[in-house]
Amino acid sequence: MTINIMEVIKAIELVGSSPQGFDAAVRHAIEEAKRTLRNIRRVEVLDFEVLMENDEIKMYQARVKLYFMVERG
């Protein structure tokens, strides 16, 4: 008898920030996640925001959802 082992995917939400723009904010979130997570399969961008100070854009933020495979031990 053959047993198929199906993948289990976990999802977490993160907020990346950058003064350089939304693309950099998304990349920041992914790069930080890669420091502790392996097997990231998909990234969904959920939301964008900017932080303002003195009527100027101070920081770009991106809220992302990362999907990664659960490792079996």
PDB file of N, CA and C in Angstrom:
ATOM      1  N   MET A   1       0.846  -1.174   0.000  1.00  0.00           N
ATOM      2  CA  MET A   1       0.000   0.000   0.000  1.00  0.00           C
ATOM      3  C   MET A   1       0.898   1.246   0.000  1.00  0.00           C
ATOM      4  N   THR A   2       0.602   2.217  -0.876  1.00  0.00           N
ATOM      5  CA  THR A   2       1.352   3.455  -0.962  1.00  0.00           C
ATOM      6  C   THR A   2       0.576   4.565  -0.271  1.00  0.00           C
ATOM      7  N   ILE A   3       1.278   5.304   0.569  1.00  0.00           N
ATOM      8  CA  ILE A   3       0.656   6.437   1.270  1.00  0.00           C
ATOM      9  C   ILE A   3       1.195   7.718   0.667  1.00  0.00           C
ATOM     10  N   ASN A   4       0.309   8.573   0.197  1.00  0.00           N
ATOM     11  CA  ASN A   4       0.711   9.884  -0.316  1.00  0.00           C
ATOM     12  C   ASN A   4       0.787  10.866   0.838  1.00  0.00           C
ATOM     13  N   ILE A   5       1.929  11.514   0.965  1.00  0.00           N
ATOM     14  CA  ILE A   5       2.080  12.551   1.984  1.00  0.00           C
ATOM     15  C   ILE A   5       1.855  13.890   1.308  1.00  0.00           C
ATOM     16  N   MET A   6       0.844  14.591   1.764  1.00  0.00           N
ATOM     17  CA  MET A   6       0.515  15.885   1.187  1.00  0.00           C
ATOM     18  C   MET A   6       1.260  16.978   1.941  1.00  0.00           C
ATOM     19  N   GLU A   7       1.584  18.031   1.231  1.00  0.00           N
ATOM     20  CA  GLU A   7       2.246  19.169   1.857  1.00  0.00           C
ATOM     21  C   GLU A   7       1.292  19.895   2.786  1.00  0.00           C
ATOM     22  N   VAL A   8       1.850  20.428   3.846  1.00  0.00           N
ATOM     23  CA  VAL A   8       1.107  21.311   4.738  1.00  0.00           C
ATOM     24  C   VAL A   8       1.768  22.675   4.642  1.00  0.00           C
ATOM     25  N   ILE A   9       0.970  23.682   4.371  1.00  0.00           N
ATOM     26  CA  ILE A   9       1.467  25.042   4.203  1.00  0.00           C
ATOM     27  C   ILE A   9       0.995  25.891   5.384  1.00  0.00           C
ATOM     28  N   LYS A  10       1.904  26.672   5.921  1.00  0.00           N
ATOM     29  CA  LYS A  10       1.578  27.599   7.002  1.00  0.00           C
ATOM     30  C   LYS A  10       1.673  29.018   6.455  1.00  0.00           C
ATOM     31  N   ALA A  11       0.879  29.927   7.005  1.00  0.00           N
ATOM     32  CA  ALA A  11       0.894  31.326   6.564  1.00  0.00           C
ATOM     33  C   ALA A  11       1.096  32.238   7.771  1.00  0.00           C
ATOM     34  N   ILE A  12       1.905  33.275   7.557  1.00  0.00           N
ATOM     35  CA  ILE A  12       2.079  34.311   8.569  1.00  0.00           C
ATOM     36  C   ILE A  12       1.987  35.669   7.896  1.00  0.00           C
ATOM     37  N   GLU A  13       1.641  36.688   8.671  1.00  0.00           N
ATOM     38  CA  GLU A  13       1.606  38.053   8.148  1.00  0.00           C
ATOM     39  C   GLU A  13       2.748  38.853   8.748  1.00  0.00           C
ATOM     40  N   LEU A  14       3.365  39.676   7.908  1.00  0.00           N
ATOM     41  CA  LEU A  14       4.464  40.545   8.322  1.00  0.00           C
ATOM     42  C   LEU A  14       4.256  41.929   7.728  1.00  0.00           C
ATOM     43  N   VAL A  15       4.896  42.921   8.325  1.00  0.00           N
ATOM     44  CA  VAL A  15       4.904  44.267   7.767  1.00  0.00           C
ATOM     45  C   VAL A  15       6.360  44.652   7.524  1.00  0.00           C
ATOM     46  N   GLY A  16       6.681  44.931   6.266  1.00  0.00           N
ATOM     47  CA  GLY A  16       8.013  45.406   5.910  1.00  0.00           C
ATOM     48  C   GLY A  16       7.979  46.910   5.727  1.00  0.00           C
ATOM     49  N   SER A  17       9.088  47.567   6.056  1.00  0.00           N
ATOM     50  CA  SER A  17       9.168  49.024   5.948  1.00  0.00           C
ATOM     51  C   SER A  17      10.424  49.424   5.188  1.00  0.00           C
ATOM     52  N   SER A  18      10.318  50.550   4.477  1.00  0.00           N
ATOM     53  CA  SER A  18      11.474  51.096   3.783  1.00  0.00           C
ATOM     54  C   SER A  18      11.223  52.562   3.447  1.00  0.00           C
ATOM     55  N   PRO A  19      12.245  53.398   3.544  1.00  0.00           N
ATOM     56  CA  PRO A  19      12.089  54.783   3.094  1.00  0.00           C
ATOM     57  C   PRO A  19      12.187  54.904   1.568  1.00  0.00           C
ATOM     58  N   GLN A  20      12.567  53.812   0.874  1.00  0.00           N
ATOM     59  CA  GLN A  20      12.778  53.861  -0.570  1.00  0.00           C
ATOM     60  C   GLN A  20      11.549  53.523  -1.420  1.00  0.00           C
ATOM     61  N   GLY A  21      10.460  53.021  -0.838  1.00  0.00           N
ATOM     62  CA  GLY A  21       9.275  52.740  -1.637  1.00  0.00           C
ATOM     63  C   GLY A  21       8.631  51.414  -1.269  1.00  0.00           C
ATOM     64  N   PHE A  22       7.494  51.155  -1.911  1.00  0.00           N
ATOM     65  CA  PHE A  22       6.718  49.955  -1.610  1.00  0.00           C
ATOM     66  C   PHE A  22       7.448  48.674  -2.008  1.00  0.00           C
ATOM     67  N   ASP A  23       8.088  48.670  -3.156  1.00  0.00           N
ATOM     68  CA  ASP A  23       8.820  47.486  -3.601  1.00  0.00           C
ATOM     69  C   ASP A  23       9.892  47.116  -2.587  1.00  0.00           C
ATOM     70  N   ALA A  24      10.614  48.107  -2.113  1.00  0.00           N
ATOM     71  CA  ALA A  24      11.657  47.859  -1.117  1.00  0.00           C
ATOM     72  C   ALA A  24      11.065  47.374   0.205  1.00  0.00           C
ATOM     73  N   ALA A  25       9.881  47.856   0.555  1.00  0.00           N
ATOM     74  CA  ALA A  25       9.222  47.414   1.787  1.00  0.00           C
ATOM     75  C   ALA A  25       8.826  45.938   1.696  1.00  0.00           C
ATOM     76  N   VAL A  26       8.316  45.522   0.543  1.00  0.00           N
ATOM     77  CA  VAL A  26       7.975  44.112   0.338  1.00  0.00           C
ATOM     78  C   VAL A  26       9.236  43.263   0.409  1.00  0.00           C
ATOM     79  N   ARG A  27      10.280  43.696  -0.274  1.00  0.00           N
ATOM     80  CA  ARG A  27      11.541  42.946  -0.256  1.00  0.00           C
ATOM     81  C   ARG A  27      12.122  42.854   1.155  1.00  0.00           C
ATOM     82  N   HIS A  28      11.987  43.916   1.924  1.00  0.00           N
ATOM     83  CA  HIS A  28      12.473  43.906   3.307  1.00  0.00           C
ATOM     84  C   HIS A  28      11.758  42.837   4.128  1.00  0.00           C
ATOM     85  N   ALA A  29      10.445  42.750   4.001  1.00  0.00           N
ATOM     86  CA  ALA A  29       9.677  41.733   4.736  1.00  0.00           C
ATOM     87  C   ALA A  29      10.128  40.326   4.342  1.00  0.00           C
ATOM     88  N   ILE A  30      10.330  40.092   3.050  1.00  0.00           N
ATOM     89  CA  ILE A  30      10.753  38.773   2.584  1.00  0.00           C
ATOM     90  C   ILE A  30      12.157  38.442   3.081  1.00  0.00           C
ATOM     91  N   GLU A  31      13.080  39.391   2.965  1.00  0.00           N
ATOM     92  CA  GLU A  31      14.457  39.145   3.398  1.00  0.00           C
ATOM     93  C   GLU A  31      14.535  38.852   4.896  1.00  0.00           C
ATOM     94  N   GLU A  32      13.764  39.570   5.686  1.00  0.00           N
ATOM     95  CA  GLU A  32      13.761  39.302   7.127  1.00  0.00           C
ATOM     96  C   GLU A  32      13.161  37.933   7.424  1.00  0.00           C
ATOM     97  N   ALA A  33      12.104  37.563   6.714  1.00  0.00           N
ATOM     98  CA  ALA A  33      11.476  36.252   6.921  1.00  0.00           C
ATOM     99  C   ALA A  33      12.448  35.122   6.581  1.00  0.00           C
ATOM    100  N   LYS A  34      13.239  35.312   5.531  1.00  0.00           N
ATOM    101  CA  LYS A  34      14.185  34.276   5.106  1.00  0.00           C
ATOM    102  C   LYS A  34      15.269  34.007   6.150  1.00  0.00           C
ATOM    103  N   ARG A  35      15.443  34.901   7.088  1.00  0.00           N
ATOM    104  CA  ARG A  35      16.442  34.685   8.144  1.00  0.00           C
ATOM    105  C   ARG A  35      16.039  33.556   9.080  1.00  0.00           C
ATOM    106  N   THR A  36      14.725  33.312   9.225  1.00  0.00           N
ATOM    107  CA  THR A  36      14.255  32.278  10.151  1.00  0.00           C
ATOM    108  C   THR A  36      13.344  31.233   9.512  1.00  0.00           C
ATOM    109  N   LEU A  37      12.893  31.473   8.289  1.00  0.00           N
ATOM    110  CA  LEU A  37      11.987  30.527   7.618  1.00  0.00           C
ATOM    111  C   LEU A  37      12.661  29.920   6.392  1.00  0.00           C
ATOM    112  N   ARG A  38      12.282  28.684   6.103  1.00  0.00           N
ATOM    113  CA  ARG A  38      12.726  28.029   4.874  1.00  0.00           C
ATOM    114  C   ARG A  38      11.505  27.641   4.059  1.00  0.00           C
ATOM    115  N   ASN A  39      11.736  27.362   2.810  1.00  0.00           N
ATOM    116  CA  ASN A  39      10.693  26.851   1.909  1.00  0.00           C
ATOM    117  C   ASN A  39       9.511  27.794   1.735  1.00  0.00           C
ATOM    118  N   ILE A  40       9.794  29.093   1.614  1.00  0.00           N
ATOM    119  CA  ILE A  40       8.726  30.057   1.317  1.00  0.00           C
ATOM    120  C   ILE A  40       8.241  29.762  -0.095  1.00  0.00           C
ATOM    121  N   ARG A  41       6.939  29.593  -0.246  1.00  0.00           N
ATOM    122  CA  ARG A  41       6.354  29.215  -1.526  1.00  0.00           C
ATOM    123  C   ARG A  41       5.614  30.343  -2.231  1.00  0.00           C
ATOM    124  N   ARG A  42       5.063  31.260  -1.439  1.00  0.00           N
ATOM    125  CA  ARG A  42       4.247  32.313  -2.055  1.00  0.00           C
ATOM    126  C   ARG A  42       4.208  33.510  -1.123  1.00  0.00           C
ATOM    127  N   VAL A  43       4.131  34.684  -1.710  1.00  0.00           N
ATOM    128  CA  VAL A  43       3.985  35.919  -0.934  1.00  0.00           C
ATOM    129  C   VAL A  43       2.809  36.687  -1.526  1.00  0.00           C
ATOM    130  N   GLU A  44       1.873  37.020  -0.685  1.00  0.00           N
ATOM    131  CA  GLU A  44       0.701  37.796  -1.091  1.00  0.00           C
ATOM    132  C   GLU A  44       0.805  39.179  -0.460  1.00  0.00           C
ATOM    133  N   VAL A  45       0.749  40.218  -1.275  1.00  0.00           N
ATOM    134  CA  VAL A  45       0.783  41.582  -0.756  1.00  0.00           C
ATOM    135  C   VAL A  45      -0.647  41.972  -0.406  1.00  0.00           C
ATOM    136  N   LEU A  46      -0.874  42.270   0.863  1.00  0.00           N
ATOM    137  CA  LEU A  46      -2.228  42.537   1.347  1.00  0.00           C
ATOM    138  C   LEU A  46      -2.586  44.012   1.370  1.00  0.00           C
ATOM    139  N   ASP A  47      -1.588  44.860   1.679  1.00  0.00           N
ATOM    140  CA  ASP A  47      -1.926  46.257   1.921  1.00  0.00           C
ATOM    141  C   ASP A  47      -0.666  47.118   1.838  1.00  0.00           C
ATOM    142  N   PHE A  48      -0.849  48.361   1.446  1.00  0.00           N
ATOM    143  CA  PHE A  48       0.230  49.344   1.446  1.00  0.00           C
ATOM    144  C   PHE A  48      -0.185  50.531   2.296  1.00  0.00           C
ATOM    145  N   GLU A  49       0.787  51.128   2.984  1.00  0.00           N
ATOM    146  CA  GLU A  49       0.554  52.350   3.760  1.00  0.00           C
ATOM    147  C   GLU A  49       1.797  53.216   3.698  1.00  0.00           C
ATOM    148  N   VAL A  50       1.624  54.495   3.943  1.00  0.00           N
ATOM    149  CA  VAL A  50       2.774  55.380   4.117  1.00  0.00           C
ATOM    150  C   VAL A  50       2.656  56.065   5.474  1.00  0.00           C
ATOM    151  N   LEU A  51       3.792  56.281   6.097  1.00  0.00           N
ATOM    152  CA  LEU A  51       3.838  57.041   7.340  1.00  0.00           C
ATOM    153  C   LEU A  51       4.316  58.441   6.994  1.00  0.00           C
ATOM    154  N   MET A  52       3.598  59.430   7.491  1.00  0.00           N
ATOM    155  CA  MET A  52       3.885  60.826   7.163  1.00  0.00           C
ATOM    156  C   MET A  52       4.488  61.543   8.367  1.00  0.00           C
ATOM    157  N   GLU A  53       5.344  62.519   8.077  1.00  0.00           N
ATOM    158  CA  GLU A  53       5.904  63.387   9.112  1.00  0.00           C
ATOM    159  C   GLU A  53       6.162  64.751   8.486  1.00  0.00           C
ATOM    160  N   ASN A  54       5.610  65.789   9.071  1.00  0.00           N
ATOM    161  CA  ASN A  54       5.748  67.159   8.538  1.00  0.00           C
ATOM    162  C   ASN A  54       5.315  67.245   7.072  1.00  0.00           C
ATOM    163  N   ASP A  55       4.190  66.625   6.771  1.00  0.00           N
ATOM    164  CA  ASP A  55       3.609  66.615   5.422  1.00  0.00           C
ATOM    165  C   ASP A  55       4.499  65.951   4.367  1.00  0.00           C
ATOM    166  N   GLU A  56       5.440  65.139   4.798  1.00  0.00           N
ATOM    167  CA  GLU A  56       6.324  64.410   3.888  1.00  0.00           C
ATOM    168  C   GLU A  56       6.211  62.916   4.170  1.00  0.00           C
ATOM    169  N   ILE A  57       6.379  62.124   3.121  1.00  0.00           N
ATOM    170  CA  ILE A  57       6.392  60.679   3.322  1.00  0.00           C
ATOM    171  C   ILE A  57       7.671  60.305   4.059  1.00  0.00           C
ATOM    172  N   LYS A  58       7.504  59.660   5.199  1.00  0.00           N
ATOM    173  CA  LYS A  58       8.644  59.261   6.026  1.00  0.00           C
ATOM    174  C   LYS A  58       9.025  57.798   5.772  1.00  0.00           C
ATOM    175  N   MET A  59       7.998  56.927   5.605  1.00  0.00           N
ATOM    176  CA  MET A  59       8.260  55.500   5.473  1.00  0.00           C
ATOM    177  C   MET A  59       7.141  54.834   4.680  1.00  0.00           C
ATOM    178  N   TYR A  60       7.528  53.925   3.803  1.00  0.00           N
ATOM    179  CA  TYR A  60       6.579  53.098   3.060  1.00  0.00           C
ATOM    180  C   TYR A  60       6.455  51.771   3.794  1.00  0.00           C
ATOM    181  N   GLN A  61       5.231  51.251   3.896  1.00  0.00           N
ATOM    182  CA  GLN A  61       5.021  49.965   4.549  1.00  0.00           C
ATOM    183  C   GLN A  61       4.183  49.058   3.672  1.00  0.00           C
ATOM    184  N   ALA A  62       4.507  47.776   3.720  1.00  0.00           N
ATOM    185  CA  ALA A  62       3.762  46.764   2.981  1.00  0.00           C
ATOM    186  C   ALA A  62       3.415  45.626   3.940  1.00  0.00           C
ATOM    187  N   ARG A  63       2.141  45.307   4.029  1.00  0.00           N
ATOM    188  CA  ARG A  63       1.702  44.153   4.823  1.00  0.00           C
ATOM    189  C   ARG A  63       1.603  42.970   3.877  1.00  0.00           C
ATOM    190  N   VAL A  64       2.335  41.906   4.195  1.00  0.00           N
ATOM    191  CA  VAL A  64       2.393  40.740   3.310  1.00  0.00           C
ATOM    192  C   VAL A  64       2.028  39.484   4.087  1.00  0.00           C
ATOM    193  N   LYS A  65       1.556  38.494   3.345  1.00  0.00           N
ATOM    194  CA  LYS A  65       1.286  37.179   3.897  1.00  0.00           C
ATOM    195  C   LYS A  65       2.236  36.218   3.205  1.00  0.00           C
ATOM    196  N   LEU A  66       3.044  35.520   3.992  1.00  0.00           N
ATOM    197  CA  LEU A  66       3.992  34.556   3.453  1.00  0.00           C
ATOM    198  C   LEU A  66       3.484  33.151   3.706  1.00  0.00           C
ATOM    199  N   TYR A  67       3.586  32.317   2.695  1.00  0.00           N
ATOM    200  CA  TYR A  67       3.175  30.917   2.778  1.00  0.00           C
ATOM    201  C   TYR A  67       4.423  30.056   2.650  1.00  0.00           C
ATOM    202  N   PHE A  68       4.610  29.131   3.585  1.00  0.00           N
ATOM    203  CA  PHE A  68       5.783  28.265   3.544  1.00  0.00           C
ATOM    204  C   PHE A  68       5.413  26.853   3.969  1.00  0.00           C
ATOM    205  N   MET A  69       6.219  25.909   3.507  1.00  0.00           N
ATOM    206  CA  MET A  69       5.955  24.503   3.810  1.00  0.00           C
ATOM    207  C   MET A  69       6.338  24.185   5.247  1.00  0.00           C
ATOM    208  N   VAL A  70       5.511  23.395   5.905  1.00  0.00           N
ATOM    209  CA  VAL A  70       5.819  22.903   7.240  1.00  0.00           C
ATOM    210  C   VAL A  70       6.753  21.713   7.073  1.00  0.00           C
ATOM    211  N   GLU A  71       7.855  21.752   7.777  1.00  0.00           N
ATOM    212  CA  GLU A  71       8.823  20.657   7.689  1.00  0.00           C
ATOM    213  C   GLU A  71       8.458  19.572   8.685  1.00  0.00           C
ATOM    214  N   ARG A  72       8.609  18.361   8.236  1.00  0.00           N
ATOM    215  CA  ARG A  72       8.357  17.219   9.112  1.00  0.00           C
ATOM    216  C   ARG A  72       9.676  16.762   9.715  1.00  0.00           C
ATOM    217  N   GLY A  73       9.654  16.462  10.997  1.00  0.00           N
ATOM    218  CA  GLY A  73      10.885  16.084  11.688  1.00  0.00           C
ATOM    219  C   GLY A  73      11.060  14.607  11.869  1.00  0.00           C
TER     220      GLY A  73
END
